[in-house]
Amino acid sequence: MKKPEILKQLIEKSGLTQKAFAEKHGIDEPKLSRWVTGKIEPMHATVQLIAFEEGYYLEWIFELKPI
């Protein structure tokens, strides 16, 4: 699962609006919006911290792909 989908799920499970979710986690709301839409990508550690703060643990699975 990609980071935008994880963030969308976390926001949905929180029951908060995107704006309230951003405020709760100290994130600029336009930045969170860009993360959710995939326009910019947050660091793995950032998404993992947000998930932890919401009561979830993320287990990252990486794939090796040729360049």
PDB file of N, CA and C in Angstrom:
ATOM      1  N   MET A   1       0.847  -1.172   0.000  1.00  0.00           N
ATOM      2  CA  MET A   1       0.000   0.000   0.000  1.00  0.00           C
ATOM      3  C   MET A   1       0.896   1.240   0.000  1.00  0.00           C
ATOM      4  N   LYS A   2       0.528   2.215  -0.776  1.00  0.00           N
ATOM      5  CA  LYS A   2       1.330   3.427  -0.888  1.00  0.00           C
ATOM      6  C   LYS A   2       0.942   4.434   0.188  1.00  0.00           C
ATOM      7  N   LYS A   3       1.857   5.363   0.433  1.00  0.00           N
ATOM      8  CA  LYS A   3       1.667   6.333   1.512  1.00  0.00           C
ATOM      9  C   LYS A   3       0.389   7.156   1.390  1.00  0.00           C
ATOM     10  N   PRO A   4      -0.005   7.625   0.192  1.00  0.00           N
ATOM     11  CA  PRO A   4      -1.267   8.375   0.130  1.00  0.00           C
ATOM     12  C   PRO A   4      -2.468   7.553   0.595  1.00  0.00           C
ATOM     13  N   GLU A   5      -2.508   6.273   0.218  1.00  0.00           N
ATOM     14  CA  GLU A   5      -3.624   5.424   0.642  1.00  0.00           C
ATOM     15  C   GLU A   5      -3.606   5.199   2.151  1.00  0.00           C
ATOM     16  N   ILE A   6      -2.409   5.039   2.708  1.00  0.00           N
ATOM     17  CA  ILE A   6      -2.290   4.862   4.159  1.00  0.00           C
ATOM     18  C   ILE A   6      -2.810   6.110   4.868  1.00  0.00           C
ATOM     19  N   LEU A   7      -2.399   7.270   4.390  1.00  0.00           N
ATOM     20  CA  LEU A   7      -2.855   8.512   5.019  1.00  0.00           C
ATOM     21  C   LEU A   7      -4.366   8.675   4.894  1.00  0.00           C
ATOM     22  N   LYS A   8      -4.919   8.359   3.735  1.00  0.00           N
ATOM     23  CA  LYS A   8      -6.375   8.450   3.549  1.00  0.00           C
ATOM     24  C   LYS A   8      -7.094   7.552   4.546  1.00  0.00           C
ATOM     25  N   GLN A   9      -6.585   6.326   4.718  1.00  0.00           N
ATOM     26  CA  GLN A   9      -7.203   5.398   5.672  1.00  0.00           C
ATOM     27  C   GLN A   9      -7.107   5.921   7.101  1.00  0.00           C
ATOM     28  N   LEU A  10      -5.954   6.463   7.451  1.00  0.00           N
ATOM     29  CA  LEU A  10      -5.785   6.985   8.808  1.00  0.00           C
ATOM     30  C   LEU A  10      -6.743   8.142   9.066  1.00  0.00           C
ATOM     31  N   ILE A  11      -6.903   9.020   8.090  1.00  0.00           N
ATOM     32  CA  ILE A  11      -7.823  10.146   8.246  1.00  0.00           C
ATOM     33  C   ILE A  11      -9.253   9.624   8.389  1.00  0.00           C
ATOM     34  N   GLU A  12      -9.625   8.677   7.537  1.00  0.00           N
ATOM     35  CA  GLU A  12     -10.976   8.111   7.585  1.00  0.00           C
ATOM     36  C   GLU A  12     -11.240   7.434   8.929  1.00  0.00           C
ATOM     37  N   LYS A  13     -10.283   6.623   9.383  1.00  0.00           N
ATOM     38  CA  LYS A  13     -10.457   5.902  10.653  1.00  0.00           C
ATOM     39  C   LYS A  13     -10.507   6.850  11.852  1.00  0.00           C
ATOM     40  N   SER A  14      -9.867   8.013  11.726  1.00  0.00           N
ATOM     41  CA  SER A  14      -9.863   8.965  12.837  1.00  0.00           C
ATOM     42  C   SER A  14     -11.215   9.629  13.028  1.00  0.00           C
ATOM     43  N   GLY A  15     -12.008   9.681  11.951  1.00  0.00           N
ATOM     44  CA  GLY A  15     -13.297  10.351  12.029  1.00  0.00           C
ATOM     45  C   GLY A  15     -13.192  11.868  11.970  1.00  0.00           C
ATOM     46  N   LEU A  16     -11.988  12.352  11.708  1.00  0.00           N
ATOM     47  CA  LEU A  16     -11.760  13.792  11.646  1.00  0.00           C
ATOM     48  C   LEU A  16     -11.778  14.273  10.202  1.00  0.00           C
ATOM     49  N   THR A  17     -11.990  15.568  10.047  1.00  0.00           N
ATOM     50  CA  THR A  17     -11.803  16.152   8.726  1.00  0.00           C
ATOM     51  C   THR A  17     -10.311  16.194   8.453  1.00  0.00           C
ATOM     52  N   GLN A  18      -9.959  16.379   7.202  1.00  0.00           N
ATOM     53  CA  GLN A  18      -8.544  16.469   6.847  1.00  0.00           C
ATOM     54  C   GLN A  18      -7.895  17.640   7.578  1.00  0.00           C
ATOM     55  N   LYS A  19      -8.625  18.756   7.694  1.00  0.00           N
ATOM     56  CA  LYS A  19      -8.093  19.936   8.384  1.00  0.00           C
ATOM     57  C   LYS A  19      -7.857  19.638   9.862  1.00  0.00           C
ATOM     58  N   ALA A  20      -8.829  19.006  10.523  1.00  0.00           N
ATOM     59  CA  ALA A  20      -8.693  18.679  11.944  1.00  0.00           C
ATOM     60  C   ALA A  20      -7.579  17.657  12.166  1.00  0.00           C
ATOM     61  N   PHE A  21      -7.453  16.700  11.260  1.00  0.00           N
ATOM     62  CA  PHE A  21      -6.396  15.694  11.341  1.00  0.00           C
ATOM     63  C   PHE A  21      -5.031  16.371  11.245  1.00  0.00           C
ATOM     64  N   ALA A  22      -4.893  17.292  10.306  1.00  0.00           N
ATOM     65  CA  ALA A  22      -3.633  18.023  10.141  1.00  0.00           C
ATOM     66  C   ALA A  22      -3.300  18.803  11.411  1.00  0.00           C
ATOM     67  N   GLU A  23      -4.284  19.488  11.964  1.00  0.00           N
ATOM     68  CA  GLU A  23      -4.062  20.259  13.194  1.00  0.00           C
ATOM     69  C   GLU A  23      -3.649  19.350  14.350  1.00  0.00           C
ATOM     70  N   LYS A  24      -4.317  18.215  14.473  1.00  0.00           N
ATOM     71  CA  LYS A  24      -4.012  17.262  15.549  1.00  0.00           C
ATOM     72  C   LYS A  24      -2.557  16.815  15.500  1.00  0.00           C
ATOM     73  N   HIS A  25      -2.031  16.653  14.294  1.00  0.00           N
ATOM     74  CA  HIS A  25      -0.672  16.133  14.132  1.00  0.00           C
ATOM     75  C   HIS A  25       0.362  17.220  13.843  1.00  0.00           C
ATOM     76  N   GLY A  26      -0.058  18.484  13.915  1.00  0.00           N
ATOM     77  CA  GLY A  26       0.877  19.587  13.724  1.00  0.00           C
ATOM     78  C   GLY A  26       1.411  19.694  12.308  1.00  0.00           C
ATOM     79  N   ILE A  27       0.558  19.353  11.344  1.00  0.00           N
ATOM     80  CA  ILE A  27       0.950  19.384   9.941  1.00  0.00           C
ATOM     81  C   ILE A  27       0.201  20.527   9.262  1.00  0.00           C
ATOM     82  N   ASP A  28       0.887  21.216   8.381  1.00  0.00           N
ATOM     83  CA  ASP A  28       0.250  22.241   7.577  1.00  0.00           C
ATOM     84  C   ASP A  28      -0.804  21.557   6.692  1.00  0.00           C
ATOM     85  N   GLU A  29      -2.052  22.011   6.741  1.00  0.00           N
ATOM     86  CA  GLU A  29      -3.139  21.346   6.027  1.00  0.00           C
ATOM     87  C   GLU A  29      -2.913  21.254   4.521  1.00  0.00           C
ATOM     88  N   PRO A  30      -2.415  22.313   3.858  1.00  0.00           N
ATOM     89  CA  PRO A  30      -2.128  22.155   2.427  1.00  0.00           C
ATOM     90  C   PRO A  30      -1.062  21.083   2.146  1.00  0.00           C
ATOM     91  N   LYS A  31      -0.097  20.957   3.046  1.00  0.00           N
ATOM     92  CA  LYS A  31       0.931  19.914   2.873  1.00  0.00           C
ATOM     93  C   LYS A  31       0.301  18.527   2.993  1.00  0.00           C
ATOM     94  N   LEU A  32      -0.560  18.338   4.001  1.00  0.00           N
ATOM     95  CA  LEU A  32      -1.235  17.050   4.162  1.00  0.00           C
ATOM     96  C   LEU A  32      -2.057  16.739   2.911  1.00  0.00           C
ATOM     97  N   SER A  33      -2.717  17.734   2.383  1.00  0.00           N
ATOM     98  CA  SER A  33      -3.505  17.552   1.165  1.00  0.00           C
ATOM     99  C   SER A  33      -2.625  17.076   0.008  1.00  0.00           C
ATOM    100  N   ARG A  34      -1.445  17.658  -0.141  1.00  0.00           N
ATOM    101  CA  ARG A  34      -0.532  17.235  -1.208  1.00  0.00           C
ATOM    102  C   ARG A  34      -0.021  15.820  -0.962  1.00  0.00           C
ATOM    103  N   TRP A  35       0.175  15.448   0.310  1.00  0.00           N
ATOM    104  CA  TRP A  35       0.578  14.076   0.630  1.00  0.00           C
ATOM    105  C   TRP A  35      -0.520  13.096   0.223  1.00  0.00           C
ATOM    106  N   VAL A  36      -1.760  13.435   0.581  1.00  0.00           N
ATOM    107  CA  VAL A  36      -2.889  12.544   0.329  1.00  0.00           C
ATOM    108  C   VAL A  36      -3.146  12.378  -1.169  1.00  0.00           C
ATOM    109  N   THR A  37      -2.945  13.430  -1.929  1.00  0.00           N
ATOM    110  CA  THR A  37      -3.163  13.350  -3.370  1.00  0.00           C
ATOM    111  C   THR A  37      -1.963  12.769  -4.110  1.00  0.00           C
ATOM    112  N   GLY A  38      -0.843  12.613  -3.422  1.00  0.00           N
ATOM    113  CA  GLY A  38       0.353  12.051  -4.037  1.00  0.00           C
ATOM    114  C   GLY A  38       1.185  13.064  -4.798  1.00  0.00           C
ATOM    115  N   LYS A  39       0.871  14.353  -4.644  1.00  0.00           N
ATOM    116  CA  LYS A  39       1.655  15.384  -5.337  1.00  0.00           C
ATOM    117  C   LYS A  39       3.051  15.506  -4.761  1.00  0.00           C
ATOM    118  N   ILE A  40       3.167  15.300  -3.457  1.00  0.00           N
ATOM    119  CA  ILE A  40       4.473  15.210  -2.812  1.00  0.00           C
ATOM    120  C   ILE A  40       4.442  13.988  -1.908  1.00  0.00           C
ATOM    121  N   GLU A  41       5.618  13.471  -1.584  1.00  0.00           N
ATOM    122  CA  GLU A  41       5.678  12.250  -0.793  1.00  0.00           C
ATOM    123  C   GLU A  41       6.318  12.517   0.567  1.00  0.00           C
ATOM    124  N   PRO A  42       5.597  12.180   1.642  1.00  0.00           N
ATOM    125  CA  PRO A  42       6.193  12.335   2.971  1.00  0.00           C
ATOM    126  C   PRO A  42       7.239  11.247   3.215  1.00  0.00           C
ATOM    127  N   MET A  43       8.106  11.492   4.163  1.00  0.00           N
ATOM    128  CA  MET A  43       9.102  10.484   4.536  1.00  0.00           C
ATOM    129  C   MET A  43       8.392   9.306   5.209  1.00  0.00           C
ATOM    130  N   HIS A  44       8.983   8.119   5.078  1.00  0.00           N
ATOM    131  CA  HIS A  44       8.423   6.919   5.714  1.00  0.00           C
ATOM    132  C   HIS A  44       8.236   7.144   7.211  1.00  0.00           C
ATOM    133  N   ALA A  45       9.242   7.735   7.846  1.00  0.00           N
ATOM    134  CA  ALA A  45       9.194   7.939   9.295  1.00  0.00           C
ATOM    135  C   ALA A  45       8.033   8.848   9.692  1.00  0.00           C
ATOM    136  N   THR A  46       7.705   9.811   8.854  1.00  0.00           N
ATOM    137  CA  THR A  46       6.600  10.722   9.145  1.00  0.00           C
ATOM    138  C   THR A  46       5.274   9.974   9.142  1.00  0.00           C
ATOM    139  N   VAL A  47       5.061   9.153   8.120  1.00  0.00           N
ATOM    140  CA  VAL A  47       3.816   8.386   8.040  1.00  0.00           C
ATOM    141  C   VAL A  47       3.740   7.386   9.188  1.00  0.00           C
ATOM    142  N   GLN A  48       4.866   6.784   9.513  1.00  0.00           N
ATOM    143  CA  GLN A  48       4.884   5.812  10.610  1.00  0.00           C
ATOM    144  C   GLN A  48       4.564   6.494  11.946  1.00  0.00           C
ATOM    145  N   LEU A  49       5.092   7.686  12.159  1.00  0.00           N
ATOM    146  CA  LEU A  49       4.810   8.421  13.392  1.00  0.00           C
ATOM    147  C   LEU A  49       3.335   8.798  13.475  1.00  0.00           C
ATOM    148  N   ILE A  50       2.765   9.272  12.379  1.00  0.00           N
ATOM    149  CA  ILE A  50       1.342   9.625  12.370  1.00  0.00           C
ATOM    150  C   ILE A  50       0.502   8.385  12.674  1.00  0.00           C
ATOM    151  N   ALA A  51       0.836   7.274  12.049  1.00  0.00           N
ATOM    152  CA  ALA A  51       0.104   6.028  12.301  1.00  0.00           C
ATOM    153  C   ALA A  51       0.207   5.637  13.768  1.00  0.00           C
ATOM    154  N   PHE A  52       1.400   5.723  14.341  1.00  0.00           N
ATOM    155  CA  PHE A  52       1.600   5.384  15.747  1.00  0.00           C
ATOM    156  C   PHE A  52       0.754   6.283  16.639  1.00  0.00           C
ATOM    157  N   GLU A  53       0.736   7.584  16.336  1.00  0.00           N
ATOM    158  CA  GLU A  53      -0.063   8.525  17.121  1.00  0.00           C
ATOM    159  C   GLU A  53      -1.551   8.217  17.023  1.00  0.00           C
ATOM    160  N   GLU A  54      -1.961   7.565  15.935  1.00  0.00           N
ATOM    161  CA  GLU A  54      -3.353   7.168  15.756  1.00  0.00           C
ATOM    162  C   GLU A  54      -3.627   5.761  16.292  1.00  0.00           C
ATOM    163  N   GLY A  55      -2.593   5.110  16.832  1.00  0.00           N
ATOM    164  CA  GLY A  55      -2.778   3.788  17.425  1.00  0.00           C
ATOM    165  C   GLY A  55      -2.552   2.625  16.467  1.00  0.00           C
ATOM    166  N   TYR A  56      -1.770   2.855  15.420  1.00  0.00           N
ATOM    167  CA  TYR A  56      -1.494   1.814  14.438  1.00  0.00           C
ATOM    168  C   TYR A  56       0.010   1.633  14.284  1.00  0.00           C
ATOM    169  N   TYR A  57       0.392   0.437  13.856  1.00  0.00           N
ATOM    170  CA  TYR A  57       1.779   0.140  13.560  1.00  0.00           C
ATOM    171  C   TYR A  57       1.870  -0.155  12.068  1.00  0.00           C
ATOM    172  N   LEU A  58       2.838   0.454  11.409  1.00  0.00           N
ATOM    173  CA  LEU A  58       3.043   0.197   9.986  1.00  0.00           C
ATOM    174  C   LEU A  58       4.235  -0.718   9.791  1.00  0.00           C
ATOM    175  N   GLU A  59       4.043  -1.702   8.974  1.00  0.00           N
ATOM    176  CA  GLU A  59       5.129  -2.597   8.606  1.00  0.00           C
ATOM    177  C   GLU A  59       5.393  -2.379   7.126  1.00  0.00           C
ATOM    178  N   TRP A  60       6.559  -1.840   6.817  1.00  0.00           N
ATOM    179  CA  TRP A  60       6.884  -1.523   5.434  1.00  0.00           C
ATOM    180  C   TRP A  60       7.417  -2.746   4.723  1.00  0.00           C
ATOM    181  N   ILE A  61       6.920  -2.962   3.539  1.00  0.00           N
ATOM    182  CA  ILE A  61       7.401  -4.035   2.689  1.00  0.00           C
ATOM    183  C   ILE A  61       7.954  -3.379   1.434  1.00  0.00           C
ATOM    184  N   PHE A  62       9.232  -3.566   1.199  1.00  0.00           N
ATOM    185  CA  PHE A  62       9.883  -2.948   0.049  1.00  0.00           C
ATOM    186  C   PHE A  62      10.088  -3.994  -1.040  1.00  0.00           C
ATOM    187  N   GLU A  63      10.029  -3.513  -2.262  1.00  0.00           N
ATOM    188  CA  GLU A  63      10.273  -4.389  -3.406  1.00  0.00           C
ATOM    189  C   GLU A  63      11.484  -3.865  -4.163  1.00  0.00           C
ATOM    190  N   LEU A  64      12.301  -4.769  -4.622  1.00  0.00           N
ATOM    191  CA  LEU A  64      13.459  -4.404  -5.434  1.00  0.00           C
ATOM    192  C   LEU A  64      13.017  -4.428  -6.889  1.00  0.00           C
ATOM    193  N   LYS A  65      13.149  -3.272  -7.550  1.00  0.00           N
ATOM    194  CA  LYS A  65      12.745  -3.171  -8.948  1.00  0.00           C
ATOM    195  C   LYS A  65      13.909  -2.637  -9.757  1.00  0.00           C
ATOM    196  N   PRO A  66      14.062  -3.107 -10.974  1.00  0.00           N
ATOM    197  CA  PRO A  66      15.157  -2.594 -11.808  1.00  0.00           C
ATOM    198  C   PRO A  66      14.913  -1.134 -12.187  1.00  0.00           C
ATOM    199  N   ILE A  67      16.004  -0.416 -12.393  1.00  0.00           N
ATOM    200  CA  ILE A  67      15.889   0.983 -12.794  1.00  0.00           C
ATOM    201  C   ILE A  67      16.118   1.139 -14.276  1.00  0.00           C
TER     202      ILE A  67
END
